[in-house]
Protein backbone atom coordinates (compact mmCIF):
# COMPACT_ATOMS: atom_id res chain seq x y z
CA MET A 1 157.43 146.82 135.95
CA THR A 2 154.10 146.18 137.60
CA ARG A 3 150.93 146.33 135.38
CA THR A 4 148.38 148.04 137.12
CA PRO A 5 144.84 146.68 136.11
CA LYS A 6 142.57 148.96 134.09
CA PHE A 7 139.66 147.45 134.73
CA PHE A 8 138.27 144.94 136.78
CA TRP A 9 136.77 141.55 136.35
CA ARG A 10 133.24 141.06 138.27
CA ALA A 11 132.53 137.62 139.08
CA ALA A 12 129.65 135.80 141.10
CA LEU A 13 130.24 136.38 144.49
CA LEU A 14 131.38 132.93 145.34
CA GLY A 15 133.62 130.85 147.71
CA LEU A 16 136.84 130.73 145.77
CA ALA A 17 136.17 126.12 146.14
CA ALA A 18 132.82 127.26 144.04
CA VAL A 19 134.76 128.65 141.48
CA ALA A 20 137.34 126.56 140.50
CA VAL A 21 134.88 123.92 139.78
CA THR A 22 132.36 125.87 138.19
CA ILE A 23 132.21 124.46 134.57
CA GLY A 24 130.66 125.63 131.24
CA ALA A 25 130.93 127.93 127.93
CA PHE A 26 127.74 129.75 126.92
CA ARG A 27 124.19 129.24 128.44
CA PRO A 28 121.73 127.03 126.54
CA GLY A 29 119.89 129.03 123.75
CA GLU A 30 122.31 131.90 123.74
CA SER A 31 124.06 132.27 120.91
CA VAL A 32 126.90 134.86 120.16
CA SER A 33 126.10 134.83 116.48
CA GLU A 34 124.86 133.18 113.38
CA ALA A 35 129.01 133.45 111.85
CA ASP A 36 132.04 131.60 112.80
CA ALA A 37 134.90 133.95 113.94
CA ALA A 38 136.17 135.31 110.67
CA GLY A 39 139.49 136.25 109.53
CA THR A 40 142.56 133.81 108.00
CA LEU A 41 145.11 133.15 109.88
CA PRO A 42 148.37 134.84 109.06
CA GLN A 43 150.81 133.40 106.51
CA GLY A 44 153.11 130.76 108.31
CA TRP A 45 150.74 130.84 111.75
CA PRO A 46 150.24 127.43 113.24
CA THR A 47 147.53 125.41 111.97
CA THR A 48 146.46 124.03 115.14
CA LEU A 49 145.67 125.89 118.37
CA GLN A 50 148.87 127.03 120.39
CA VAL A 51 150.44 127.22 123.33
CA GLY A 52 152.76 129.88 124.70
CA MET A 53 154.17 131.18 127.67
CA MET A 54 157.07 134.82 129.31
CA ASP A 55 160.51 133.90 128.39
CA SER A 56 163.78 135.00 129.66
CA PRO A 57 166.90 134.85 127.14
CA GLY A 58 167.81 131.51 126.87
CA GLY A 59 165.48 130.01 128.02
CA ALA A 60 164.51 128.43 124.81
CA ALA A 61 165.78 124.77 125.10
CA ALA A 62 164.76 124.17 128.57
CA MET A 63 161.01 125.80 127.49
CA ARG A 64 161.43 123.43 124.02
CA ALA A 65 162.09 120.16 127.22
CA THR A 66 158.93 120.41 128.83
CA ALA A 67 156.68 120.81 126.11
CA PRO A 68 156.41 121.43 121.89
CA TYR A 69 155.12 125.36 122.67
CA GLY A 70 154.18 127.46 119.69
CA PHE A 71 155.38 130.70 120.90
CA ARG A 72 157.17 132.70 123.99
CA TYR A 73 157.10 136.12 124.42
CA GLN A 74 159.36 138.96 125.31
CA TYR A 75 158.77 142.71 125.90
CA LEU A 76 160.88 145.98 124.02
CA ALA A 77 160.41 148.42 126.70
CA ALA A 78 161.81 151.53 128.80
CA GLY A 79 161.76 153.73 126.48
CA VAL A 80 162.64 155.53 122.85
CA ASN A 81 164.87 157.45 124.57
CA THR A 82 165.70 156.89 128.10
CA GLY A 83 169.03 155.20 126.97
CA ASN A 84 167.81 151.95 129.36
CA GLY A 85 165.31 150.41 126.47
CA TRP A 86 165.61 147.21 124.56
CA ALA A 87 167.99 148.96 121.81
CA ASN A 88 170.44 149.46 124.75
CA TRP A 89 170.28 145.93 126.27
CA ASN A 90 173.10 145.00 123.99
CA PRO A 91 174.25 147.06 121.64
CA ASN A 92 172.51 148.80 118.41
CA GLY A 93 169.37 146.69 119.41
CA GLN A 94 170.84 142.90 119.86
CA PHE A 95 169.15 142.73 122.24
CA VAL A 96 166.25 141.13 119.62
CA THR A 97 169.00 138.84 117.89
CA TYR A 98 169.94 136.95 120.33
CA TYR A 99 166.31 136.06 121.40
CA ILE A 100 165.47 135.21 117.77
CA GLU A 101 168.29 132.88 117.76
CA ASP A 102 167.36 131.31 120.63
CA SER A 103 163.95 130.84 119.97
CA VAL A 104 164.31 129.37 116.27
CA ALA A 105 167.21 126.65 118.01
CA ALA A 106 164.60 126.04 119.69
CA SER A 107 161.68 125.37 116.87
CA ILE A 108 160.07 127.97 119.02
CA THR A 109 158.24 131.76 116.94
CA PRO A 110 159.51 135.07 118.66
CA VAL A 111 157.32 136.76 119.92
CA PHE A 112 158.08 140.91 120.86
CA THR A 113 155.60 142.91 122.78
CA TYR A 114 156.79 146.76 121.89
CA TYR A 115 156.28 148.76 124.90
CA GLN A 116 157.59 152.02 124.63
CA ILE A 117 154.89 154.82 123.95
CA PHE A 118 154.21 155.39 127.76
CA MET A 119 157.57 154.24 129.40
CA SER A 120 159.39 157.14 126.44
CA LEU A 121 160.54 160.96 127.74
CA PRO A 122 158.93 163.47 128.34
CA GLY A 123 155.47 162.15 129.47
CA SER A 124 152.81 163.64 131.77
CA SER A 125 152.58 164.02 135.35
CA GLY A 126 149.20 163.53 134.58
CA GLY A 127 148.98 159.37 134.29
CA GLU A 128 149.88 156.75 131.93
CA MET A 129 147.01 158.19 129.68
CA GLU A 130 148.04 161.97 128.92
CA ALA A 131 151.74 160.36 129.25
CA VAL A 132 150.63 158.19 125.99
CA LEU A 133 149.06 160.52 124.82
CA ALA A 134 150.97 163.68 124.82
CA ASN A 135 154.38 161.77 123.65
CA LEU A 136 153.12 160.37 120.51
CA GLN A 137 152.21 164.62 119.93
CA ASN A 138 155.99 164.81 121.15
CA ALA A 139 157.97 165.79 117.71
CA SER A 140 161.57 165.02 119.21
CA THR A 141 159.95 161.69 121.34
CA MET A 142 158.39 160.65 117.55
CA VAL A 143 161.60 160.92 115.77
CA ALA A 144 163.08 158.81 118.72
CA TYR A 145 160.47 156.31 118.70
CA TRP A 146 160.12 155.73 115.10
CA ASN A 147 163.65 155.14 114.78
CA ASP A 148 163.91 152.90 118.14
CA LEU A 149 160.42 150.62 116.25
CA LYS A 150 162.89 150.71 112.65
CA LEU A 151 165.89 149.43 114.44
CA PHE A 152 163.34 146.41 115.36
CA PHE A 153 162.27 145.81 112.09
CA GLN A 154 166.20 145.93 110.97
CA ARG A 155 166.89 143.16 113.83
CA ALA A 156 164.17 140.65 113.43
CA GLY A 157 164.20 141.40 109.39
CA ALA A 158 167.49 139.90 109.30
CA PHE A 159 165.79 136.06 109.81
CA PRO A 160 164.23 136.24 106.11
CA ASP A 161 163.26 132.34 106.28
CA ASN A 162 161.32 132.46 110.34
CA LYS A 163 158.37 134.15 111.23
CA VAL A 164 158.90 136.53 114.33
CA VAL A 165 155.27 138.10 115.67
CA LEU A 166 155.50 142.09 116.94
CA HIS A 167 152.78 142.56 119.50
CA VAL A 168 152.55 146.38 118.97
CA GLU A 169 152.36 149.05 122.28
CA PRO A 170 149.03 146.96 124.42
CA ASP A 171 146.93 149.98 126.31
CA MET A 172 148.04 152.58 123.51
CA TRP A 173 145.23 151.55 121.54
CA GLY A 174 143.18 151.21 124.44
CA TYR A 175 143.82 154.69 125.57
CA VAL A 176 143.56 156.27 122.05
CA HIS A 177 140.01 154.92 121.91
CA GLN A 178 138.52 156.82 125.16
CA ARG A 179 139.72 159.97 123.53
CA ALA A 180 138.54 159.48 119.56
CA THR A 181 135.66 160.73 118.34
CA GLY A 182 133.10 158.73 117.18
CA ASP A 183 135.23 155.68 117.57
CA ASN A 184 137.93 157.52 114.72
CA ALA A 185 141.23 156.80 115.75
CA THR A 186 141.46 159.83 112.90
CA THR A 187 140.53 162.05 115.51
CA VAL A 188 143.62 161.74 117.60
CA GLY A 189 146.98 162.95 116.87
CA ALA A 190 150.26 161.56 116.20
CA ARG A 191 153.66 163.49 114.52
CA VAL A 192 154.13 160.69 112.06
CA GLY A 193 155.44 162.04 108.24
CA GLY A 194 155.66 165.50 110.28
CA THR A 195 158.66 164.07 111.97
CA GLY A 196 160.22 164.53 108.71
CA ILE A 197 161.42 160.44 108.30
CA ALA A 198 161.76 160.04 104.83
CA GLU A 199 159.93 156.75 105.14
CA LEU A 200 157.02 158.05 106.40
CA ALA A 201 156.50 161.21 104.00
CA GLY A 202 152.49 161.76 103.32
CA LEU A 203 151.27 159.72 106.06
CA PRO A 204 148.98 161.96 108.11
CA ASP A 205 149.81 162.78 111.26
CA ASN A 206 146.73 161.24 113.64
CA MET A 207 146.83 157.95 115.27
CA GLY A 208 145.49 156.56 111.22
CA GLY A 209 148.68 157.23 109.26
CA PHE A 210 150.70 155.59 113.31
CA ALA A 211 148.91 152.56 112.17
CA LYS A 212 150.11 152.81 108.74
CA ALA A 213 153.92 153.74 109.84
CA VAL A 214 154.32 150.95 111.50
CA VAL A 215 152.68 148.28 108.53
CA ARG A 216 154.78 150.44 106.09
CA LEU A 217 158.30 150.02 107.90
CA ARG A 218 157.23 145.86 108.88
CA ASP A 219 156.67 146.19 105.40
CA THR A 220 159.96 148.02 104.31
CA TYR A 221 162.24 145.85 106.42
CA ALA A 222 160.92 142.68 107.65
CA PRO A 223 157.88 141.28 105.65
CA ASN A 224 158.58 138.55 107.88
CA VAL A 225 157.49 139.64 110.74
CA VAL A 226 153.41 139.24 111.91
CA LEU A 227 152.08 142.28 113.34
CA GLY A 228 149.74 141.89 116.38
CA TYR A 229 147.67 144.57 117.57
CA HIS A 230 146.62 145.34 120.74
CA MET A 231 142.47 145.38 121.46
CA SER A 232 142.53 146.82 124.76
CA ILE A 233 138.33 145.44 125.88
CA TRP A 234 137.72 148.45 128.46
CA GLY A 235 139.12 151.28 125.21
CA THR A 236 135.03 151.91 124.96
CA GLY A 237 135.56 153.46 127.97
CA VAL A 238 133.15 150.51 129.55
CA ASP A 239 133.78 147.82 130.80
CA ILE A 240 131.88 144.04 130.23
CA GLN A 241 132.48 142.49 133.47
CA TRP A 242 132.21 145.50 136.06
CA SER A 243 129.11 145.75 134.42
CA GLN A 244 128.02 142.78 133.49
CA THR A 245 126.78 143.14 130.69
CA ASP A 246 123.69 141.79 128.75
CA ASN A 247 124.02 140.21 125.33
CA PRO A 248 123.19 142.87 123.31
CA THR A 249 125.44 145.32 125.12
CA THR A 250 128.23 143.08 125.40
CA ASP A 251 127.88 143.01 121.53
CA ALA A 252 127.30 146.63 120.94
CA LEU A 253 130.58 147.78 122.57
CA ALA A 254 132.48 144.95 120.61
CA THR A 255 131.02 146.08 117.46
CA ARG A 256 132.67 149.52 118.44
CA ALA A 257 135.83 147.86 119.46
CA GLY A 258 136.08 146.50 116.00
CA ASN A 259 135.21 150.09 114.27
CA PHE A 260 137.90 151.73 115.92
CA TYR A 261 140.18 149.35 114.17
CA ASN A 262 138.45 149.73 111.16
CA SER A 263 138.85 153.48 111.34
CA LEU A 264 142.89 153.21 111.23
CA GLY A 265 142.81 151.87 107.92
CA ALA A 266 145.89 149.37 107.87
CA ASN A 267 146.02 146.12 108.05
CA PHE A 268 147.55 144.54 110.94
CA ASP A 269 147.40 140.45 110.24
CA ILE A 270 146.20 139.42 113.90
CA THR A 271 145.03 140.81 117.48
CA PHE A 272 145.95 140.45 121.11
CA ALA A 273 143.98 140.67 124.01
CA GLU A 274 143.92 140.42 127.66
CA PHE A 275 142.28 138.59 130.55
CA SER A 276 143.57 139.97 133.47
CA ASP A 277 147.46 141.26 134.41
CA ARG A 278 147.37 139.27 137.17
CA ASP A 279 146.14 136.36 139.12
CA SER A 280 142.12 136.71 141.00
CA GLY A 281 143.99 136.34 144.46
CA PHE A 282 146.67 138.60 143.96
CA LYS A 283 143.50 141.24 143.86
CA GLN A 284 142.01 139.55 146.21
CA VAL A 285 144.58 139.51 148.87
CA ILE A 286 147.33 142.46 148.06
CA ASN A 287 144.78 144.99 146.98
CA GLY A 288 142.06 143.77 149.50
CA LEU A 289 138.95 142.93 146.70
CA GLY A 290 137.57 140.48 148.05
CA THR A 291 135.98 137.72 145.71
CA ALA A 292 134.40 139.12 143.24
CA LEU A 293 137.19 139.73 140.85
CA TRP A 294 137.26 135.25 139.92
CA PHE A 295 135.36 134.64 137.15
CA ASP A 296 132.68 132.23 136.35
CA ALA A 297 131.20 130.01 133.35
CA GLU A 298 129.11 133.42 132.51
CA ASP A 299 132.22 135.71 132.77
CA PHE A 300 134.20 133.19 130.61
CA ALA A 301 130.99 133.75 128.75
CA ARG A 302 130.64 137.03 128.72
CA HIS A 303 134.51 136.98 127.42
CA ALA A 304 134.26 134.72 124.53
CA ARG A 305 131.05 136.59 122.99
CA PHE A 306 133.00 140.06 122.59
CA LEU A 307 136.33 138.79 121.38
CA LYS A 308 134.28 136.30 118.56
CA THR A 309 132.00 140.25 117.58
CA PHE A 310 135.18 141.91 117.43
CA SER A 311 136.84 138.93 115.35
CA ASN A 312 133.36 139.13 113.32
CA THR A 313 133.66 142.77 113.01
CA VAL A 314 137.77 143.13 111.89
CA GLN A 315 138.36 139.90 109.99
CA LYS A 316 141.22 139.24 112.65
CA ARG A 317 142.33 136.38 114.79
CA VAL A 318 142.78 136.02 118.56
CA VAL A 319 145.87 135.52 120.47
CA LEU A 320 144.96 135.66 124.20
CA TRP A 321 148.28 137.40 126.22
CA GLN A 322 149.71 137.31 129.59
CA ILE A 323 147.52 134.80 130.66
CA PRO A 324 147.64 134.83 134.76
CA LEU A 325 149.53 132.00 135.71
CA GLY A 326 148.26 130.84 138.94
CA ASN A 327 145.00 127.89 139.97
CA THR A 328 143.45 126.27 142.56
CA LYS A 329 144.84 122.45 142.39
CA MET A 330 147.95 122.68 144.37
CA LEU A 331 149.33 122.88 147.47
CA ALA A 332 151.78 125.93 146.28
CA MET A 333 149.02 127.85 145.85
CA ASN A 334 148.45 129.40 148.70
CA ASN A 335 147.54 132.97 148.45
CA THR A 336 150.97 135.05 149.05
CA TRP A 337 153.89 136.70 147.37
CA ASN A 338 154.49 134.91 143.77
CA HIS A 339 151.96 132.26 144.52
CA PHE A 340 148.29 133.31 143.98
CA GLN A 341 145.27 131.38 142.87
CA ASP A 342 143.72 131.84 139.64
CA ASN A 343 140.88 129.66 137.70
CA ARG A 344 142.11 130.46 134.28
CA ALA A 345 144.53 128.37 133.39
CA GLU A 346 142.54 125.29 134.90
CA TRP A 347 139.15 126.55 132.78
CA LEU A 348 141.38 126.09 130.03
CA PHE A 349 142.84 123.31 129.94
CA ASP A 350 142.41 121.06 133.44
CA ASP A 351 138.85 120.52 131.16
CA PRO A 352 138.71 117.26 129.36
CA SER A 353 136.08 117.35 127.40
CA ARG A 354 137.89 120.54 125.99
CA SER A 355 134.61 122.59 125.35
CA HIS A 356 136.24 125.87 126.83
CA LEU A 357 139.35 125.52 124.36
CA SER A 358 137.13 124.59 121.90
CA THR A 359 134.54 127.57 122.29
CA TYR A 360 137.18 129.74 122.50
CA ILE A 361 138.35 128.27 119.26
CA ASP A 362 135.28 129.60 117.94
CA ALA A 363 135.47 133.37 119.65
CA GLY A 364 138.56 133.83 116.29
CA VAL A 365 141.17 132.41 119.40
CA VAL A 366 144.25 130.79 117.50
CA ALA A 367 146.74 131.25 120.40
CA PHE A 368 146.87 130.99 124.80
CA LEU A 369 150.29 133.27 125.37
CA PHE A 370 150.90 132.86 129.94
CA GLY A 371 152.67 135.05 132.20
CA ARG A 372 153.61 137.24 134.66
CA GLY A 373 152.79 140.96 134.62
CA ALA A 374 153.47 142.24 137.79
CA ASP A 375 155.69 141.71 140.28
CA GLY A 376 154.90 138.79 142.66
CA ALA A 377 152.05 137.45 140.54
CA THR A 378 152.27 133.69 139.68
CA CYS A 379 155.22 132.43 138.25
CA ALA A 380 155.36 129.26 136.07
CA CYS A 381 159.20 128.64 137.46
CA ASP A 382 160.88 129.60 140.33
CA ALA A 383 160.98 133.26 141.28
CA ALA A 384 160.00 133.00 144.82
CA TYR A 385 163.31 131.15 144.73
CA ASP A 386 162.19 128.75 147.53
CA GLY A 387 161.82 125.33 146.34
CA VAL A 388 159.37 123.71 146.40
CA THR A 389 156.18 124.23 148.54
CA ASN A 390 153.60 122.24 149.97
CA PRO A 391 151.78 124.69 153.30
CA ALA A 392 149.08 123.72 154.94
CA PRO A 393 146.05 124.41 152.42
CA ILE A 394 142.82 126.28 151.51
CA ASN A 395 139.83 126.41 149.28
CA GLY A 396 140.44 122.02 148.54
CA ASN A 397 143.75 122.69 147.33
CA THR A 398 144.98 119.00 148.04
CA SER A 399 147.61 118.10 144.90
CA PRO A 400 151.64 118.01 146.08
CA SER A 401 153.82 120.63 143.72
CA LEU A 402 155.39 119.26 141.30
CA ASN A 403 158.43 120.62 141.14
CA ALA A 404 159.71 124.46 142.53
CA ASP A 405 157.66 125.85 140.14
CA ASP A 406 155.85 128.84 142.25
CA ASP A 407 152.16 127.13 140.78
CA GLY A 408 153.28 123.48 142.08
CA GLY A 409 154.26 122.32 138.06
CA PHE A 410 150.57 122.98 137.54
CA PHE A 411 150.86 125.02 134.02
CA LYS A 412 154.29 123.04 132.35
CA GLN A 413 151.80 119.32 133.25
CA LYS A 414 149.04 120.74 132.02
CA ALA A 415 151.27 122.47 128.45
CA ALA A 416 152.52 119.61 128.19
CA ALA A 417 149.14 117.11 127.98
CA TYR A 418 147.43 118.86 125.63
CA TYR A 419 150.35 118.78 123.23
CA ALA A 420 150.10 114.75 124.20
CA GLN A 421 146.73 114.44 123.40
CA GLY A 422 146.91 116.73 120.13
CA ALA A 423 146.67 120.78 119.62
CA MET A 424 143.52 121.62 118.76
CA PRO A 425 142.57 121.93 114.60
CA LEU A 426 141.78 125.88 113.53
CA SER A 427 140.80 126.41 110.11
CA GLY A 428 143.23 128.37 107.48
CA GLY A 429 147.02 129.13 108.06
CA SER A 430 149.97 126.88 107.03
CA PRO A 431 153.40 125.63 109.65
CA PRO A 432 156.29 128.13 110.36
CA SER A 433 159.02 127.48 109.26
CA THR A 434 161.77 126.28 111.85
CA SER A 435 165.17 126.60 109.68
CA THR A 436 167.86 127.96 111.91
CA PRO A 437 169.36 131.23 111.18
CA ALA A 438 173.31 131.62 110.73
CA PRO A 439 175.23 132.27 113.70
CA SER A 440 175.47 136.12 114.63
CA THR A 441 178.63 138.09 114.19
CA THR A 442 177.94 138.71 118.05
CA ALA A 443 178.88 135.70 120.22
CA THR A 444 178.32 136.92 123.80
CA MET A 445 175.89 139.06 125.21
CA THR A 446 177.80 141.56 127.08
CA PRO A 447 177.16 144.44 128.94
CA THR A 448 178.95 147.41 127.21
CA ASN A 449 176.98 150.73 129.48
CA THR A 450 175.75 152.37 131.92
CA PRO A 451 172.72 153.68 131.09
CA THR A 452 171.66 156.83 132.09
CA PRO A 453 168.82 156.68 134.33
CA ALA A 454 164.96 156.88 132.94
CA THR A 455 162.45 159.68 134.88
CA PRO A 456 160.48 158.46 136.72
CA THR A 457 156.82 156.51 134.96
CA ALA A 458 153.98 157.11 137.36
CA THR A 459 152.29 153.84 136.59
CA ALA A 460 154.23 151.71 135.48
CA THR A 461 151.99 149.15 132.97
CA VAL A 462 154.55 146.95 132.05
CA ALA A 463 155.29 143.33 133.37
CA THR A 464 159.53 142.87 134.54
CA PRO A 465 160.77 142.96 131.34
CA THR A 466 162.61 139.75 131.90
CA ALA A 467 165.80 141.05 129.14
CA THR A 468 169.27 140.42 130.09
CA THR A 469 172.80 141.88 129.25
CA THR A 470 174.87 138.14 129.79
CA THR A 471 175.62 135.62 127.62
CA PRO A 472 172.07 133.48 127.71
CA THR A 473 172.15 129.87 129.39
CA ALA A 474 169.50 126.96 128.04
CA THR A 475 168.47 127.23 131.63
CA ALA A 476 164.48 128.92 131.93
CA THR A 477 165.42 130.94 135.41
CA ALA A 478 168.49 131.96 136.65
CA THR A 479 170.18 131.45 139.89
CA PRO A 480 171.56 133.95 142.01
CA ALA A 481 175.59 133.66 142.76
CA ALA A 482 176.37 131.21 145.14
CA GLY A 483 176.61 133.13 148.39
CA LEU A 484 175.09 136.17 147.46
CA ALA A 485 172.87 137.96 149.32
CA TRP A 486 171.56 141.14 149.73
CA THR A 487 170.28 144.05 152.43
CA THR A 488 168.22 146.41 152.07
CA SER A 489 166.72 149.60 153.18
CA ALA A 490 165.20 153.19 152.79
CA THR A 491 165.00 155.78 154.16
CA THR A 492 162.67 159.26 153.32
CA SER A 493 163.68 163.23 153.34
CA ALA A 494 160.72 163.58 155.79
CA ALA A 495 157.48 160.86 157.55
CA THR A 496 154.68 163.20 155.95
CA VAL A 497 154.65 165.16 152.96
CA ASP A 498 152.37 167.44 151.65
CA ARG A 499 150.04 167.06 147.96
CA GLY A 500 152.11 169.58 145.12
CA THR A 501 155.39 169.20 146.91
CA SER A 502 158.41 166.87 146.73
CA ILE A 503 159.45 164.00 149.21
CA THR A 504 162.89 162.65 148.59
CA ILE A 505 164.16 158.56 148.54
CA ALA A 506 167.47 157.37 149.60
CA ALA A 507 167.76 153.36 148.91
CA ASN A 508 170.73 152.25 151.06
CA VAL A 509 172.36 148.83 149.03
CA ARG A 510 174.30 146.00 149.96
CA ALA A 511 175.94 142.82 148.71
CA SER A 512 177.74 140.77 150.24
CA GLN A 513 180.08 139.54 147.16
CA ALA A 514 181.52 142.12 144.23
CA ALA A 515 178.01 142.74 142.06
CA LEU A 516 177.02 144.38 139.19
CA ALA A 517 172.47 144.60 139.79
CA LEU A 518 170.08 147.01 138.90
CA VAL A 519 168.26 148.84 141.40
CA ASP A 520 164.77 149.74 141.29
CA VAL A 521 162.72 151.52 143.83
CA GLU A 522 159.28 152.18 143.74
CA VAL A 523 156.58 153.64 145.78
CA TYR A 524 152.86 151.94 146.17
CA ASN A 525 149.68 152.94 147.27
CA THR A 526 147.83 151.07 149.79
CA ASP A 527 145.73 149.25 146.61
CA GLY A 528 148.61 147.71 146.50
CA GLU A 529 149.48 150.01 142.82
CA LYS A 530 152.66 152.06 141.29
CA ILE A 531 152.15 155.72 141.78
CA TYR A 532 155.91 156.28 141.43
CA GLN A 533 159.28 154.37 140.34
CA ARG A 534 162.86 155.18 139.35
CA TYR A 535 165.50 152.68 138.28
CA TRP A 536 169.70 152.57 138.01
CA ASP A 537 170.93 149.76 135.57
CA GLY A 538 174.37 148.45 135.05
CA GLN A 539 175.43 149.55 138.86
CA SER A 540 178.63 147.58 140.22
CA PHE A 541 178.45 147.22 144.30
CA LYS A 542 181.77 146.57 146.33
CA LYS A 543 181.74 143.39 148.54
CA ASN A 544 180.01 144.90 151.79
CA ARG A 545 180.12 148.08 150.37
CA THR A 546 176.49 149.94 151.13
CA ARG A 547 175.58 152.59 148.28
CA THR A 548 172.53 154.58 148.38
CA PHE A 549 170.82 155.68 145.57
CA ARG A 550 168.48 158.47 146.23
CA THR A 551 166.04 160.06 144.15
CA THR A 552 163.68 163.15 144.34
CA TRP A 553 159.69 162.88 144.03
CA GLN A 554 157.28 165.79 142.81
CA VAL A 555 153.99 164.16 144.55
CA PRO A 556 151.66 165.15 142.21
CA ALA A 557 148.90 167.52 143.55
CA ASN A 558 145.71 164.62 143.01
CA LEU A 559 146.94 162.07 144.15
CA ALA A 560 145.07 160.40 146.60
CA PRO A 561 145.55 160.44 150.37
CA GLY A 562 147.20 157.72 152.39
CA VAL A 563 150.02 156.08 153.34
CA TYR A 564 152.56 155.03 151.10
CA THR A 565 155.34 151.81 150.83
CA VAL A 566 158.24 152.56 149.40
CA LYS A 567 159.85 148.92 148.25
CA ILE A 568 163.42 148.45 146.48
CA GLY A 569 163.77 145.32 144.18
CA VAL A 570 167.51 144.06 142.72
CA PHE A 571 167.92 141.98 139.11
CA ASN A 572 169.70 141.09 136.90
CA PRO A 573 171.24 144.42 134.78
CA GLY A 574 168.54 144.67 131.20
CA TRP A 575 165.53 143.45 134.04
CA GLY A 576 167.17 140.13 134.37
CA VAL A 577 166.09 137.77 137.14
CA MET A 578 165.59 139.03 140.39
CA HIS A 579 167.54 139.01 143.84
CA HIS A 580 166.03 140.85 145.85
CA TRP A 581 162.47 142.23 146.95
CA ASN A 582 161.51 144.61 150.05
CA ASN A 583 157.96 144.80 150.13
CA GLY A 584 158.23 147.30 152.92
CA ALA A 585 161.18 149.21 153.11
CA ARG A 586 159.89 152.43 154.30
CA THR A 587 156.56 154.53 154.53
CA PHE A 588 155.43 157.71 154.42
CA THR A 589 152.13 159.98 154.42
CA VAL A 590 150.21 162.02 152.16
CA ARG A 591 148.88 164.69 153.70
């Protein structure tokens, strides 16, 4: 599943080499505010600026061997009432138990990004925002939602001596803010106390009640969980980068974002925010958006300014999350699939003066969590299965790859160097517990079900979940079975389809040996945005036997005419390692 961008970052139209080497922080004479970024650290939070990354189950030991990272994160996704959600990746939500155990054994704090409301049923054909808002007010959906969240807290609460971080619903709060009147979250409805769930009795059926319900369930079942609110920088309806806002406008918008959070009347522990969901080179090459999305010094300054004003307004520190992993230094970065350039990682961690990190610390940032938010974006792993690569240089990248990671090994090298030099101090807080939990009663992660396929979503906004329903190993990325190869193709019921009618897509999938897999079918527009998706988990394949997976898509009446592309992915069950990706299985025209 891919994250669709909610905003576009606009930097000055500079050449890529120039973007890569531009340095600076706030422009001379321009302070963000008189006060330092406010808010105490959550109890048990590290007292130094930490680095983390998205990491698959079983990868904690290998991650720790690279650098003493503070955090690793994992999506909990696929919907509360679809049969495919995280609670079914292992029986009764044990996936969370295993991930916490793996993390704590390696002295890394686990972070879970809980991304469930959009991917639940029934959703809406009107787009992601409408699906989220509709699900929030659907009584049966919200009963399932609160029970799903309760299960998470019960699993996490079984580790009372260990901190666990729950990052609650990225994107949802931004959509709610856009729908709210006067930056007041209580003007948007959501089923809470009205669901009849005993623990939520008396809470109002609005988004203020929703936020209070999250806190109440945490307090009841898992006091060891740090709750993370997600602040979408586009939630005000004005994107500061696309609009290139001046300082007074940036401050006013950040204050509005803070006022919206304060209107919830609920005390989350920390705030999550983001730069962008994928590399600038990805948007340049795949989406055809040119160099306008690259950050320069002024854009970084504006971004940090917004965060600082927000932090002051809500009195909460900030975690920057899902930061793109591309760079402009390594030869591996040649703007091809899985090898796209970006400059966020080098801006932050290839600055010998550490002034850029200091700027973000001053803005309230306490951790940087890196991870790709879309298939094909750069990974600090060998997602491409192409080993060590050193293609011809582009845009001034001249450094040979350090290892087989798709970013040429840049991120892990810089993370290790950051910690070797000494993690930068933060004010307030105390070290997290690193005690090892007792082993779980279930020793292995074995699939026990074949979930019913989820209803397709219009535009998913989550990175491919890295969950797996097989026994985790001590490696960061799994390796396909020796000799196992996949062949895929697709056909459609028509070459041209009218808006408002339906089209049937048939995906033909063949394995060279017996295997168990998840089959994913997606439809993209010419901008590289995913419009439709359906997947089938836990599918068994016999050697050299083709299986066909059919789905019928009701083409939205308001869909833009044009050429659409069918793509097919094959993954380990539960959205594990990707074994195969057909980036152009079929095209058809919508008129």
